[in-house]
PDB file of all heavy atoms in Angstrom:
ATOM      1  N   LYS A   1       0.819  -1.198   0.000  1.00  0.00           N
ATOM      2  CA  LYS A   1       0.000   0.000   0.000  1.00  0.00           C
ATOM      3  C   LYS A   1       0.856   1.253   0.000  1.00  0.00           C
ATOM      4  O   LYS A   1       0.448   2.296  -0.498  1.00  0.00           O
ATOM      5  CB  LYS A   1      -0.945  -0.001   1.192  1.00  0.00           C
ATOM      6  CG  LYS A   1      -2.000  -1.100   1.130  1.00  0.00           C
ATOM      7  CD  LYS A   1      -2.903  -1.024   2.331  1.00  0.00           C
ATOM      8  CE  LYS A   1      -3.985  -2.106   2.266  1.00  0.00           C
ATOM      9  NZ  LYS A   1      -4.863  -2.051   3.467  1.00  0.00           N
ATOM     10  N   PHE A   2       2.034   1.166   0.615  1.00  0.00           N
ATOM     11  CA  PHE A   2       2.931   2.302   0.732  1.00  0.00           C
ATOM     12  C   PHE A   2       3.292   2.861  -0.629  1.00  0.00           C
ATOM     13  O   PHE A   2       3.573   4.058  -0.762  1.00  0.00           O
ATOM     14  CB  PHE A   2       4.181   1.888   1.494  1.00  0.00           C
ATOM     15  CG  PHE A   2       5.181   2.980   1.667  1.00  0.00           C
ATOM     16  CD1 PHE A   2       4.978   3.993   2.568  1.00  0.00           C
ATOM     17  CD2 PHE A   2       6.331   2.993   0.896  1.00  0.00           C
ATOM     18  CE1 PHE A   2       5.907   5.006   2.712  1.00  0.00           C
ATOM     19  CE2 PHE A   2       7.265   3.999   1.037  1.00  0.00           C
ATOM     20  CZ  PHE A   2       7.054   5.009   1.952  1.00  0.00           C
ATOM     21  N   TYR A   3       3.263   2.037  -1.640  1.00  0.00           N
ATOM     22  CA  TYR A   3       3.723   2.441  -2.960  1.00  0.00           C
ATOM     23  C   TYR A   3       2.619   2.804  -3.926  1.00  0.00           C
ATOM     24  O   TYR A   3       2.887   3.227  -5.037  1.00  0.00           O
ATOM     25  CB  TYR A   3       4.584   1.340  -3.589  1.00  0.00           C
ATOM     26  CG  TYR A   3       5.902   1.208  -2.915  1.00  0.00           C
ATOM     27  CD1 TYR A   3       6.110   0.244  -1.949  1.00  0.00           C
ATOM     28  CD2 TYR A   3       6.934   2.075  -3.212  1.00  0.00           C
ATOM     29  CE1 TYR A   3       7.316   0.140  -1.304  1.00  0.00           C
ATOM     30  CE2 TYR A   3       8.145   1.969  -2.570  1.00  0.00           C
ATOM     31  CZ  TYR A   3       8.333   0.999  -1.617  1.00  0.00           C
ATOM     32  OH  TYR A   3       9.526   0.884  -0.987  1.00  0.00           O
ATOM     33  N   LYS A   4       1.387   2.690  -3.504  1.00  0.00           N
ATOM     34  CA  LYS A   4       0.302   2.932  -4.436  1.00  0.00           C
ATOM     35  C   LYS A   4       0.333   4.349  -4.992  1.00  0.00           C
ATOM     36  O   LYS A   4      -0.014   4.584  -6.151  1.00  0.00           O
ATOM     37  CB  LYS A   4      -1.039   2.641  -3.772  1.00  0.00           C
ATOM     38  CG  LYS A   4      -1.309   1.154  -3.605  1.00  0.00           C
ATOM     39  CD  LYS A   4      -2.685   0.933  -3.046  1.00  0.00           C
ATOM     40  CE  LYS A   4      -2.977  -0.584  -2.955  1.00  0.00           C
ATOM     41  NZ  LYS A   4      -4.319  -0.829  -2.394  1.00  0.00           N
ATOM     42  N   GLU A   5       0.744   5.347  -4.165  1.00  0.00           N
ATOM     43  CA  GLU A   5       0.783   6.718  -4.618  1.00  0.00           C
ATOM     44  C   GLU A   5       2.019   7.009  -5.460  1.00  0.00           C
ATOM     45  O   GLU A   5       2.069   7.989  -6.170  1.00  0.00           O
ATOM     46  CB  GLU A   5       0.747   7.662  -3.421  1.00  0.00           C
ATOM     47  CG  GLU A   5      -0.538   7.563  -2.614  1.00  0.00           C
ATOM     48  CD  GLU A   5      -0.536   8.496  -1.410  1.00  0.00           C
ATOM     49  OE1 GLU A   5       0.480   9.177  -1.199  1.00  0.00           O
ATOM     50  OE2 GLU A   5      -1.539   8.548  -0.711  1.00  0.00           O
ATOM     51  N   LYS A   6       3.019   6.149  -5.384  1.00  0.00           N
ATOM     52  CA  LYS A   6       4.274   6.390  -6.068  1.00  0.00           C
ATOM     53  C   LYS A   6       4.387   5.682  -7.407  1.00  0.00           C
ATOM     54  O   LYS A   6       5.211   6.056  -8.218  1.00  0.00           O
ATOM     55  CB  LYS A   6       5.456   5.945  -5.207  1.00  0.00           C
ATOM     56  CG  LYS A   6       5.529   6.605  -3.864  1.00  0.00           C
ATOM     57  CD  LYS A   6       6.743   6.110  -3.120  1.00  0.00           C
ATOM     58  CE  LYS A   6       6.841   6.704  -1.756  1.00  0.00           C
ATOM     59  NZ  LYS A   6       8.041   6.217  -1.029  1.00  0.00           N
ATOM     60  N   LEU A   7       3.584   4.703  -7.606  1.00  0.00           N
ATOM     61  CA  LEU A   7       3.822   3.806  -8.717  1.00  0.00           C
ATOM     62  C   LEU A   7       3.514   4.393 -10.071  1.00  0.00           C
ATOM     63  O   LEU A   7       3.792   3.784 -11.078  1.00  0.00           O
ATOM     64  CB  LEU A   7       3.047   2.503  -8.519  1.00  0.00           C
ATOM     65  CG  LEU A   7       3.500   1.683  -7.335  1.00  0.00           C
ATOM     66  CD1 LEU A   7       2.744   0.370  -7.266  1.00  0.00           C
ATOM     67  CD2 LEU A   7       4.983   1.397  -7.410  1.00  0.00           C
ATOM     68  N   SER A   8       2.894   5.567 -10.124  1.00  0.00           N
ATOM     69  CA  SER A   8       2.649   6.210 -11.400  1.00  0.00           C
ATOM     70  C   SER A   8       3.891   6.920 -11.921  1.00  0.00           C
ATOM     71  O   SER A   8       3.952   7.321 -13.078  1.00  0.00           O
ATOM     72  CB  SER A   8       1.484   7.190 -11.286  1.00  0.00           C
ATOM     73  OG  SER A   8       1.790   8.199 -10.339  1.00  0.00           O
ATOM     74  N   ARG A   9       4.885   7.125 -11.051  1.00  0.00           N
ATOM     75  CA  ARG A   9       6.129   7.771 -11.440  1.00  0.00           C
ATOM     76  C   ARG A   9       6.900   6.868 -12.379  1.00  0.00           C
ATOM     77  O   ARG A   9       6.919   5.662 -12.229  1.00  0.00           O
ATOM     78  CB  ARG A   9       6.962   8.083 -10.201  1.00  0.00           C
ATOM     79  CG  ARG A   9       8.298   8.668 -10.483  1.00  0.00           C
ATOM     80  CD  ARG A   9       8.981   9.081  -9.189  1.00  0.00           C
ATOM     81  NE  ARG A   9       9.265   7.931  -8.358  1.00  0.00           N
ATOM     82  CZ  ARG A   9      10.364   7.212  -8.456  1.00  0.00           C
ATOM     83  NH1 ARG A   9      11.269   7.516  -9.371  1.00  0.00           N
ATOM     84  NH2 ARG A   9      10.559   6.173  -7.649  1.00  0.00           N
ATOM     85  N   ARG A  10       7.610   7.441 -13.317  1.00  0.00           N
ATOM     86  CA  ARG A  10       8.458   6.701 -14.234  1.00  0.00           C
ATOM     87  C   ARG A  10       9.899   7.119 -14.025  1.00  0.00           C
ATOM     88  O   ARG A  10      10.220   8.278 -14.010  1.00  0.00           O
ATOM     89  CB  ARG A  10       8.064   6.933 -15.694  1.00  0.00           C
ATOM     90  CG  ARG A  10       6.696   6.413 -16.068  1.00  0.00           C
ATOM     91  CD  ARG A  10       6.388   6.703 -17.531  1.00  0.00           C
ATOM     92  NE  ARG A  10       7.253   5.971 -18.414  1.00  0.00           N
ATOM     93  CZ  ARG A  10       6.985   4.752 -18.862  1.00  0.00           C
ATOM     94  NH1 ARG A  10       5.883   4.150 -18.487  1.00  0.00           N
ATOM     95  NH2 ARG A  10       7.825   4.159 -19.678  1.00  0.00           N
ATOM     96  N   VAL A  11      10.730   6.132 -13.859  1.00  0.00           N
ATOM     97  CA  VAL A  11      12.159   6.351 -13.741  1.00  0.00           C
ATOM     98  C   VAL A  11      12.795   6.001 -15.072  1.00  0.00           C
ATOM     99  O   VAL A  11      12.548   4.934 -15.610  1.00  0.00           O
ATOM    100  CB  VAL A  11      12.768   5.478 -12.621  1.00  0.00           C
ATOM    101  CG1 VAL A  11      14.258   5.717 -12.532  1.00  0.00           C
ATOM    102  CG2 VAL A  11      12.087   5.790 -11.300  1.00  0.00           C
ATOM    103  N   ARG A  12      13.578   6.867 -15.610  1.00  0.00           N
ATOM    104  CA  ARG A  12      14.186   6.679 -16.923  1.00  0.00           C
ATOM    105  C   ARG A  12      15.684   6.468 -16.800  1.00  0.00           C
ATOM    106  O   ARG A  12      16.384   7.261 -16.242  1.00  0.00           O
ATOM    107  CB  ARG A  12      13.890   7.875 -17.826  1.00  0.00           C
ATOM    108  CG  ARG A  12      12.364   7.940 -18.008  1.00  0.00           C
ATOM    109  CD  ARG A  12      11.893   8.242 -19.303  1.00  0.00           C
ATOM    110  NE  ARG A  12      12.595   7.910 -20.437  1.00  0.00           N
ATOM    111  CZ  ARG A  12      12.147   7.036 -21.344  1.00  0.00           C
ATOM    112  NH1 ARG A  12      11.057   6.361 -21.146  1.00  0.00           N
ATOM    113  NH2 ARG A  12      12.825   6.841 -22.445  1.00  0.00           N
ATOM    114  N   TRP A  13      16.093   5.376 -17.303  1.00  0.00           N
ATOM    115  CA  TRP A  13      17.506   5.029 -17.488  1.00  0.00           C
ATOM    116  C   TRP A  13      17.565   4.081 -18.655  1.00  0.00           C
ATOM    117  O   TRP A  13      16.583   3.543 -18.999  1.00  0.00           O
ATOM    118  CB  TRP A  13      18.088   4.339 -16.258  1.00  0.00           C
ATOM    119  CG  TRP A  13      18.491   5.258 -15.209  1.00  0.00           C
ATOM    120  CD1 TRP A  13      17.792   5.551 -14.119  1.00  0.00           C
ATOM    121  CD2 TRP A  13      19.660   6.013 -15.143  1.00  0.00           C
ATOM    122  NE1 TRP A  13      18.442   6.457 -13.392  1.00  0.00           N
ATOM    123  CE2 TRP A  13      19.604   6.750 -13.997  1.00  0.00           C
ATOM    124  CE3 TRP A  13      20.781   6.156 -15.983  1.00  0.00           C
ATOM    125  CZ2 TRP A  13      20.572   7.610 -13.630  1.00  0.00           C
ATOM    126  CZ3 TRP A  13      21.755   7.012 -15.604  1.00  0.00           C
ATOM    127  CH2 TRP A  13      21.641   7.734 -14.447  1.00  0.00           C
ATOM    128  N   PRO A  14      18.491   3.669 -19.560  1.00  0.00           N
ATOM    129  CA  PRO A  14      18.382   2.698 -20.597  1.00  0.00           C
ATOM    130  C   PRO A  14      18.926   1.420 -20.508  1.00  0.00           C
ATOM    131  O   PRO A  14      19.656   1.116 -19.809  1.00  0.00           O
ATOM    132  CB  PRO A  14      19.116   3.153 -21.724  1.00  0.00           C
ATOM    133  CG  PRO A  14      20.095   3.758 -21.037  1.00  0.00           C
ATOM    134  CD  PRO A  14      19.557   4.321 -19.807  1.00  0.00           C
ATOM    135  N   ILE A  15      18.307   0.991 -21.688  1.00  0.00           N
ATOM    136  CA  ILE A  15      19.019  -0.055 -22.401  1.00  0.00           C
ATOM    137  C   ILE A  15      18.916   0.341 -23.808  1.00  0.00           C
ATOM    138  O   ILE A  15      18.200   0.221 -24.388  1.00  0.00           O
ATOM    139  CB  ILE A  15      18.316  -1.348 -22.119  1.00  0.00           C
ATOM    140  CG1 ILE A  15      19.007  -1.973 -21.023  1.00  0.00           C
ATOM    141  CG2 ILE A  15      18.192  -2.185 -23.264  1.00  0.00           C
ATOM    142  CD1 ILE A  15      18.358  -3.168 -20.552  1.00  0.00           C
ATOM    143  N   GLY A  16      19.594   0.723 -24.588  1.00  0.00           N
ATOM    144  CA  GLY A  16      19.335   1.026 -25.968  1.00  0.00           C
ATOM    145  C   GLY A  16      19.082  -0.178 -26.783  1.00  0.00           C
ATOM    146  O   GLY A  16      19.512  -1.234 -26.435  1.00  0.00           O
ATOM    147  N   VAL A  17      18.332   0.011 -27.820  1.00  0.00           N
ATOM    148  CA  VAL A  17      18.080  -1.119 -28.709  1.00  0.00           C
ATOM    149  C   VAL A  17      19.007  -0.968 -29.914  1.00  0.00           C
ATOM    150  O   VAL A  17      18.767  -0.185 -30.801  1.00  0.00           O
ATOM    151  CB  VAL A  17      16.611  -1.147 -29.146  1.00  0.00           C
ATOM    152  CG1 VAL A  17      16.349  -2.328 -30.042  1.00  0.00           C
ATOM    153  CG2 VAL A  17      15.710  -1.159 -27.939  1.00  0.00           C
ATOM    154  N   LEU A  18      20.100  -1.704 -29.905  1.00  0.00           N
ATOM    155  CA  LEU A  18      21.122  -1.603 -30.940  1.00  0.00           C
ATOM    156  C   LEU A  18      21.327  -2.939 -31.615  1.00  0.00           C
ATOM    157  O   LEU A  18      21.098  -3.984 -31.030  1.00  0.00           O
ATOM    158  CB  LEU A  18      22.451  -1.116 -30.352  1.00  0.00           C
ATOM    159  CG  LEU A  18      22.405   0.238 -29.648  1.00  0.00           C
ATOM    160  CD1 LEU A  18      23.753   0.508 -29.006  1.00  0.00           C
ATOM    161  CD2 LEU A  18      22.057   1.345 -30.618  1.00  0.00           C
ATOM    162  N   CYS A  19      21.770  -2.910 -32.838  1.00  0.00           N
ATOM    163  CA  CYS A  19      22.070  -4.140 -33.573  1.00  0.00           C
ATOM    164  C   CYS A  19      23.392  -4.703 -33.107  1.00  0.00           C
ATOM    165  O   CYS A  19      24.358  -3.977 -32.939  1.00  0.00           O
ATOM    166  CB  CYS A  19      22.110  -3.877 -35.077  1.00  0.00           C
ATOM    167  SG  CYS A  19      20.567  -3.346 -35.768  1.00  0.00           S
ATOM    168  N   PHE A  20      23.397  -5.999 -32.938  1.00  0.00           N
ATOM    169  CA  PHE A  20      24.615  -6.666 -32.509  1.00  0.00           C
ATOM    170  C   PHE A  20      25.411  -7.078 -33.746  1.00  0.00           C
ATOM    171  O   PHE A  20      25.091  -8.027 -34.419  1.00  0.00           O
ATOM    172  CB  PHE A  20      24.251  -7.890 -31.670  1.00  0.00           C
ATOM    173  CG  PHE A  20      25.427  -8.682 -31.224  1.00  0.00           C
ATOM    174  CD1 PHE A  20      26.409  -8.083 -30.472  1.00  0.00           C
ATOM    175  CD2 PHE A  20      25.543 -10.015 -31.539  1.00  0.00           C
ATOM    176  CE1 PHE A  20      27.482  -8.798 -30.045  1.00  0.00           C
ATOM    177  CE2 PHE A  20      26.614 -10.741 -31.108  1.00  0.00           C
ATOM    178  CZ  PHE A  20      27.598 -10.136 -30.362  1.00  0.00           C
ATOM    179  N   SER A  21      26.445  -6.318 -34.017  1.00  0.00           N
ATOM    180  CA  SER A  21      27.205  -6.550 -35.241  1.00  0.00           C
ATOM    181  C   SER A  21      28.683  -6.762 -35.003  1.00  0.00           C
ATOM    182  O   SER A  21      29.459  -6.747 -35.936  1.00  0.00           O
ATOM    183  CB  SER A  21      27.012  -5.362 -36.188  1.00  0.00           C
ATOM    184  OG  SER A  21      27.486  -4.180 -35.568  1.00  0.00           O
ATOM    185  N   LEU A  22      29.096  -6.923 -33.763  1.00  0.00           N
ATOM    186  CA  LEU A  22      30.511  -7.043 -33.450  1.00  0.00           C
ATOM    187  C   LEU A  22      30.899  -8.491 -33.297  1.00  0.00           C
ATOM    188  O   LEU A  22      30.145  -9.298 -32.811  1.00  0.00           O
ATOM    189  CB  LEU A  22      30.832  -6.287 -32.162  1.00  0.00           C
ATOM    190  CG  LEU A  22      30.506  -4.791 -32.165  1.00  0.00           C
ATOM    191  CD1 LEU A  22      30.777  -4.197 -30.811  1.00  0.00           C
ATOM    192  CD2 LEU A  22      31.313  -4.087 -33.229  1.00  0.00           C
ATOM    193  N   VAL A  23      32.087  -8.831 -33.706  1.00  0.00           N
ATOM    194  CA  VAL A  23      32.644 -10.151 -33.515  1.00  0.00           C
ATOM    195  C   VAL A  23      33.815 -10.019 -32.567  1.00  0.00           C
ATOM    196  O   VAL A  23      34.791  -9.339 -32.857  1.00  0.00           O
ATOM    197  CB  VAL A  23      33.100 -10.769 -34.839  1.00  0.00           C
ATOM    198  CG1 VAL A  23      33.749 -12.137 -34.588  1.00  0.00           C
ATOM    199  CG2 VAL A  23      31.940 -10.873 -35.802  1.00  0.00           C
ATOM    200  N   TYR A  24      33.723 -10.684 -31.402  1.00  0.00           N
ATOM    201  CA  TYR A  24      34.774 -10.545 -30.429  1.00  0.00           C
ATOM    202  C   TYR A  24      36.037 -11.267 -30.900  1.00  0.00           C
ATOM    203  O   TYR A  24      36.004 -12.217 -31.616  1.00  0.00           O
ATOM    204  CB  TYR A  24      34.343 -11.095 -29.077  1.00  0.00           C
ATOM    205  CG  TYR A  24      35.180 -10.526 -27.972  1.00  0.00           C
ATOM    206  CD1 TYR A  24      34.865  -9.306 -27.415  1.00  0.00           C
ATOM    207  CD2 TYR A  24      36.308 -11.181 -27.549  1.00  0.00           C
ATOM    208  CE1 TYR A  24      35.652  -8.761 -26.429  1.00  0.00           C
ATOM    209  CE2 TYR A  24      37.097 -10.638 -26.570  1.00  0.00           C
ATOM    210  CZ  TYR A  24      36.769  -9.423 -26.015  1.00  0.00           C
ATOM    211  OH  TYR A  24      37.552  -8.883 -25.062  1.00  0.00           O
ATOM    212  N   GLY A  25      37.148 -10.773 -30.448  1.00  0.00           N
ATOM    213  CA  GLY A  25      38.442 -11.258 -30.889  1.00  0.00           C
ATOM    214  C   GLY A  25      39.118 -10.267 -31.791  1.00  0.00           C
ATOM    215  O   GLY A  25      40.293 -10.364 -32.074  1.00  0.00           O
ATOM    216  N   GLN A  26      38.410  -9.276 -32.276  1.00  0.00           N
ATOM    217  CA  GLN A  26      38.941  -8.187 -33.063  1.00  0.00           C
ATOM    218  C   GLN A  26      38.785  -6.902 -32.275  1.00  0.00           C
ATOM    219  O   GLN A  26      38.013  -6.801 -31.339  1.00  0.00           O
ATOM    220  CB  GLN A  26      38.213  -8.071 -34.404  1.00  0.00           C
ATOM    221  CG  GLN A  26      38.272  -9.337 -35.247  1.00  0.00           C
ATOM    222  CD  GLN A  26      37.459  -9.193 -36.505  1.00  0.00           C
ATOM    223  OE1 GLN A  26      36.775  -8.203 -36.724  1.00  0.00           O
ATOM    224  NE2 GLN A  26      37.534 -10.199 -37.365  1.00  0.00           N
ATOM    225  N   VAL A  27      39.522  -5.907 -32.674  1.00  0.00           N
ATOM    226  CA  VAL A  27      39.386  -4.606 -32.033  1.00  0.00           C
ATOM    227  C   VAL A  27      37.992  -4.076 -32.322  1.00  0.00           C
ATOM    228  O   VAL A  27      37.506  -4.129 -33.442  1.00  0.00           O
ATOM    229  CB  VAL A  27      40.448  -3.631 -32.550  1.00  0.00           C
ATOM    230  CG1 VAL A  27      40.301  -2.281 -31.876  1.00  0.00           C
ATOM    231  CG2 VAL A  27      41.847  -4.195 -32.321  1.00  0.00           C
ATOM    232  N   TYR A  28      37.316  -3.547 -31.301  1.00  0.00           N
ATOM    233  CA  TYR A  28      35.973  -3.033 -31.479  1.00  0.00           C
ATOM    234  C   TYR A  28      35.995  -1.809 -32.380  1.00  0.00           C
ATOM    235  O   TYR A  28      36.717  -0.848 -32.141  1.00  0.00           O
ATOM    236  CB  TYR A  28      35.350  -2.659 -30.138  1.00  0.00           C
ATOM    237  CG  TYR A  28      34.869  -3.838 -29.361  1.00  0.00           C
ATOM    238  CD1 TYR A  28      35.700  -4.463 -28.438  1.00  0.00           C
ATOM    239  CD2 TYR A  28      33.607  -4.340 -29.546  1.00  0.00           C
ATOM    240  CE1 TYR A  28      35.262  -5.570 -27.732  1.00  0.00           C
ATOM    241  CE2 TYR A  28      33.161  -5.444 -28.844  1.00  0.00           C
ATOM    242  CZ  TYR A  28      33.995  -6.045 -27.950  1.00  0.00           C
ATOM    243  OH  TYR A  28      33.564  -7.144 -27.252  1.00  0.00           O
ATOM    244  N   ALA A  29      35.195  -1.868 -33.437  1.00  0.00           N
ATOM    245  CA  ALA A  29      35.088  -0.728 -34.342  1.00  0.00           C
ATOM    246  C   ALA A  29      34.223   0.361 -33.748  1.00  0.00           C
ATOM    247  O   ALA A  29      34.341   1.520 -34.122  1.00  0.00           O
ATOM    248  CB  ALA A  29      34.527  -1.184 -35.681  1.00  0.00           C
ATOM    249  N   GLN A  30      33.344   0.012 -32.836  1.00  0.00           N
ATOM    250  CA  GLN A  30      32.447   0.951 -32.192  1.00  0.00           C
ATOM    251  C   GLN A  30      32.567   0.803 -30.684  1.00  0.00           C
ATOM    252  O   GLN A  30      32.971  -0.232 -30.185  1.00  0.00           O
ATOM    253  CB  GLN A  30      31.004   0.691 -32.636  1.00  0.00           C
ATOM    254  CG  GLN A  30      30.766   0.870 -34.128  1.00  0.00           C
ATOM    255  CD  GLN A  30      29.339   0.538 -34.514  1.00  0.00           C
ATOM    256  OE1 GLN A  30      28.547   0.087 -33.698  1.00  0.00           O
ATOM    257  NE2 GLN A  30      29.004   0.769 -35.779  1.00  0.00           N
ATOM    258  N   PRO A  31      32.218   1.849 -29.940  1.00  0.00           N
ATOM    259  CA  PRO A  31      32.237   1.733 -28.483  1.00  0.00           C
ATOM    260  C   PRO A  31      31.288   0.628 -28.009  1.00  0.00           C
ATOM    261  O   PRO A  31      30.264   0.364 -28.640  1.00  0.00           O
ATOM    262  CB  PRO A  31      31.759   3.115 -28.029  1.00  0.00           C
ATOM    263  CG  PRO A  31      32.055   4.038 -29.173  1.00  0.00           C
ATOM    264  CD  PRO A  31      31.873   3.207 -30.398  1.00  0.00           C
ATOM    265  N   LEU A  32      31.651   0.013 -26.907  1.00  0.00           N
ATOM    266  CA  LEU A  32      30.859  -1.082 -26.360  1.00  0.00           C
ATOM    267  C   LEU A  32      29.661  -0.522 -25.611  1.00  0.00           C
ATOM    268  O   LEU A  32      29.810   0.112 -24.564  1.00  0.00           O
ATOM    269  CB  LEU A  32      31.727  -1.930 -25.428  1.00  0.00           C
ATOM    270  CG  LEU A  32      31.033  -3.137 -24.778  1.00  0.00           C
ATOM    271  CD1 LEU A  32      30.652  -4.169 -25.819  1.00  0.00           C
ATOM    272  CD2 LEU A  32      31.922  -3.754 -23.710  1.00  0.00           C
ATOM    273  N   THR A  33      28.476  -0.756 -26.136  1.00  0.00           N
ATOM    274  CA  THR A  33      27.260  -0.340 -25.456  1.00  0.00           C
ATOM    275  C   THR A  33      26.843  -1.403 -24.449  1.00  0.00           C
ATOM    276  O   THR A  33      27.317  -2.541 -24.490  1.00  0.00           O
ATOM    277  CB  THR A  33      26.118  -0.118 -26.460  1.00  0.00           C
ATOM    278  OG1 THR A  33      25.807  -1.370 -27.095  1.00  0.00           O
ATOM    279  CG2 THR A  33      26.515   0.898 -27.517  1.00  0.00           C
ATOM    280  N   LEU A  34      25.945  -1.049 -23.563  1.00  0.00           N
ATOM    281  CA  LEU A  34      25.450  -2.017 -22.590  1.00  0.00           C
ATOM    282  C   LEU A  34      24.720  -3.152 -23.288  1.00  0.00           C
ATOM    283  O   LEU A  34      24.869  -4.330 -22.912  1.00  0.00           O
ATOM    284  CB  LEU A  34      24.524  -1.325 -21.583  1.00  0.00           C
ATOM    285  CG  LEU A  34      23.855  -2.244 -20.545  1.00  0.00           C
ATOM    286  CD1 LEU A  34      24.883  -3.022 -19.747  1.00  0.00           C
ATOM    287  CD2 LEU A  34      22.951  -1.438 -19.616  1.00  0.00           C
ATOM    288  N   ASP A  35      23.950  -2.827 -24.298  1.00  0.00           N
ATOM    289  CA  ASP A  35      23.198  -3.851 -25.017  1.00  0.00           C
ATOM    290  C   ASP A  35      24.136  -4.866 -25.666  1.00  0.00           C
ATOM    291  O   ASP A  35      23.910  -6.079 -25.611  1.00  0.00           O
ATOM    292  CB  ASP A  35      22.311  -3.191 -26.078  1.00  0.00           C
ATOM    293  CG  ASP A  35      21.346  -4.162 -26.727  1.00  0.00           C
ATOM    294  OD1 ASP A  35      20.487  -4.697 -26.035  1.00  0.00           O
ATOM    295  OD2 ASP A  35      21.470  -4.397 -27.935  1.00  0.00           O
ATOM    296  N   THR A  36      25.213  -4.382 -26.285  1.00  0.00           N
ATOM    297  CA  THR A  36      26.182  -5.275 -26.906  1.00  0.00           C
ATOM    298  C   THR A  36      26.898  -6.113 -25.856  1.00  0.00           C
ATOM    299  O   THR A  36      27.143  -7.308 -26.050  1.00  0.00           O
ATOM    300  CB  THR A  36      27.199  -4.469 -27.725  1.00  0.00           C
ATOM    301  OG1 THR A  36      26.506  -3.745 -28.747  1.00  0.00           O
ATOM    302  CG2 THR A  36      28.218  -5.390 -28.376  1.00  0.00           C
ATOM    303  N   ALA A  37      27.261  -5.497 -24.732  1.00  0.00           N
ATOM    304  CA  ALA A  37      27.920  -6.227 -23.649  1.00  0.00           C
ATOM    305  C   ALA A  37      27.045  -7.363 -23.140  1.00  0.00           C
ATOM    306  O   ALA A  37      27.528  -8.461 -22.856  1.00  0.00           O
ATOM    307  CB  ALA A  37      28.277  -5.266 -22.510  1.00  0.00           C
ATOM    308  N   LEU A  38      25.756  -7.116 -23.020  1.00  0.00           N
ATOM    309  CA  LEU A  38      24.831  -8.149 -22.548  1.00  0.00           C
ATOM    310  C   LEU A  38      24.773  -9.317 -23.524  1.00  0.00           C
ATOM    311  O   LEU A  38      24.773 -10.485 -23.111  1.00  0.00           O
ATOM    312  CB  LEU A  38      23.434  -7.553 -22.357  1.00  0.00           C
ATOM    313  CG  LEU A  38      23.279  -6.542 -21.217  1.00  0.00           C
ATOM    314  CD1 LEU A  38      21.935  -5.834 -21.310  1.00  0.00           C
ATOM    315  CD2 LEU A  38      23.415  -7.214 -19.862  1.00  0.00           C
ATOM    316  N   LYS A  39      24.739  -9.021 -24.812  1.00  0.00           N
ATOM    317  CA  LYS A  39      24.674 -10.078 -25.814  1.00  0.00           C
ATOM    318  C   LYS A  39      25.966 -10.886 -25.852  1.00  0.00           C
ATOM    319  O   LYS A  39      25.933 -12.116 -25.982  1.00  0.00           O
ATOM    320  CB  LYS A  39      24.366  -9.473 -27.179  1.00  0.00           C
ATOM    321  CG  LYS A  39      22.960  -8.901 -27.297  1.00  0.00           C
ATOM    322  CD  LYS A  39      22.726  -8.247 -28.644  1.00  0.00           C
ATOM    323  CE  LYS A  39      21.319  -7.697 -28.739  1.00  0.00           C
ATOM    324  NZ  LYS A  39      21.059  -6.998 -30.005  1.00  0.00           N
ATOM    325  N   LEU A  40      27.117 -10.204 -25.752  1.00  0.00           N
ATOM    326  CA  LEU A  40      28.392 -10.906 -25.736  1.00  0.00           C
ATOM    327  C   LEU A  40      28.506 -11.799 -24.510  1.00  0.00           C
ATOM    328  O   LEU A  40      28.972 -12.943 -24.598  1.00  0.00           O
ATOM    329  CB  LEU A  40      29.544  -9.898 -25.751  1.00  0.00           C
ATOM    330  CG  LEU A  40      29.842  -9.219 -27.085  1.00  0.00           C
ATOM    331  CD1 LEU A  40      30.827  -8.078 -26.889  1.00  0.00           C
ATOM    332  CD2 LEU A  40      30.392 -10.221 -28.087  1.00  0.00           C
ATOM    333  N   ALA A  41      28.098 -11.301 -23.360  1.00  0.00           N
ATOM    334  CA  ALA A  41      28.183 -12.077 -22.120  1.00  0.00           C
ATOM    335  C   ALA A  41      27.334 -13.341 -22.206  1.00  0.00           C
ATOM    336  O   ALA A  41      27.768 -14.420 -21.778  1.00  0.00           O
ATOM    337  CB  ALA A  41      27.748 -11.220 -20.936  1.00  0.00           C
ATOM    338  N   GLU A  42      26.132 -13.229 -22.761  1.00  0.00           N
ATOM    339  CA  GLU A  42      25.280 -14.402 -22.895  1.00  0.00           C
ATOM    340  C   GLU A  42      25.870 -15.405 -23.878  1.00  0.00           C
ATOM    341  O   GLU A  42      25.706 -16.612 -23.719  1.00  0.00           O
ATOM    342  CB  GLU A  42      23.876 -13.990 -23.346  1.00  0.00           C
ATOM    343  CG  GLU A  42      23.058 -13.300 -22.263  1.00  0.00           C
ATOM    344  CD  GLU A  42      21.609 -13.124 -22.655  1.00  0.00           C
ATOM    345  OE1 GLU A  42      21.088 -13.988 -23.379  1.00  0.00           O
ATOM    346  OE2 GLU A  42      20.999 -12.123 -22.243  1.00  0.00           O
TER     347      GLU A  42
END
């Protein structure tokens, strides 16, 4: 119940939706985004 008044608030932080086009083992042509890091880790 404590949160019923708060739950309409939206907190914004990302995950961007990016195409996974990197092949590990080579120098990254683009900066490592969080989305790419997640895909590589999996």
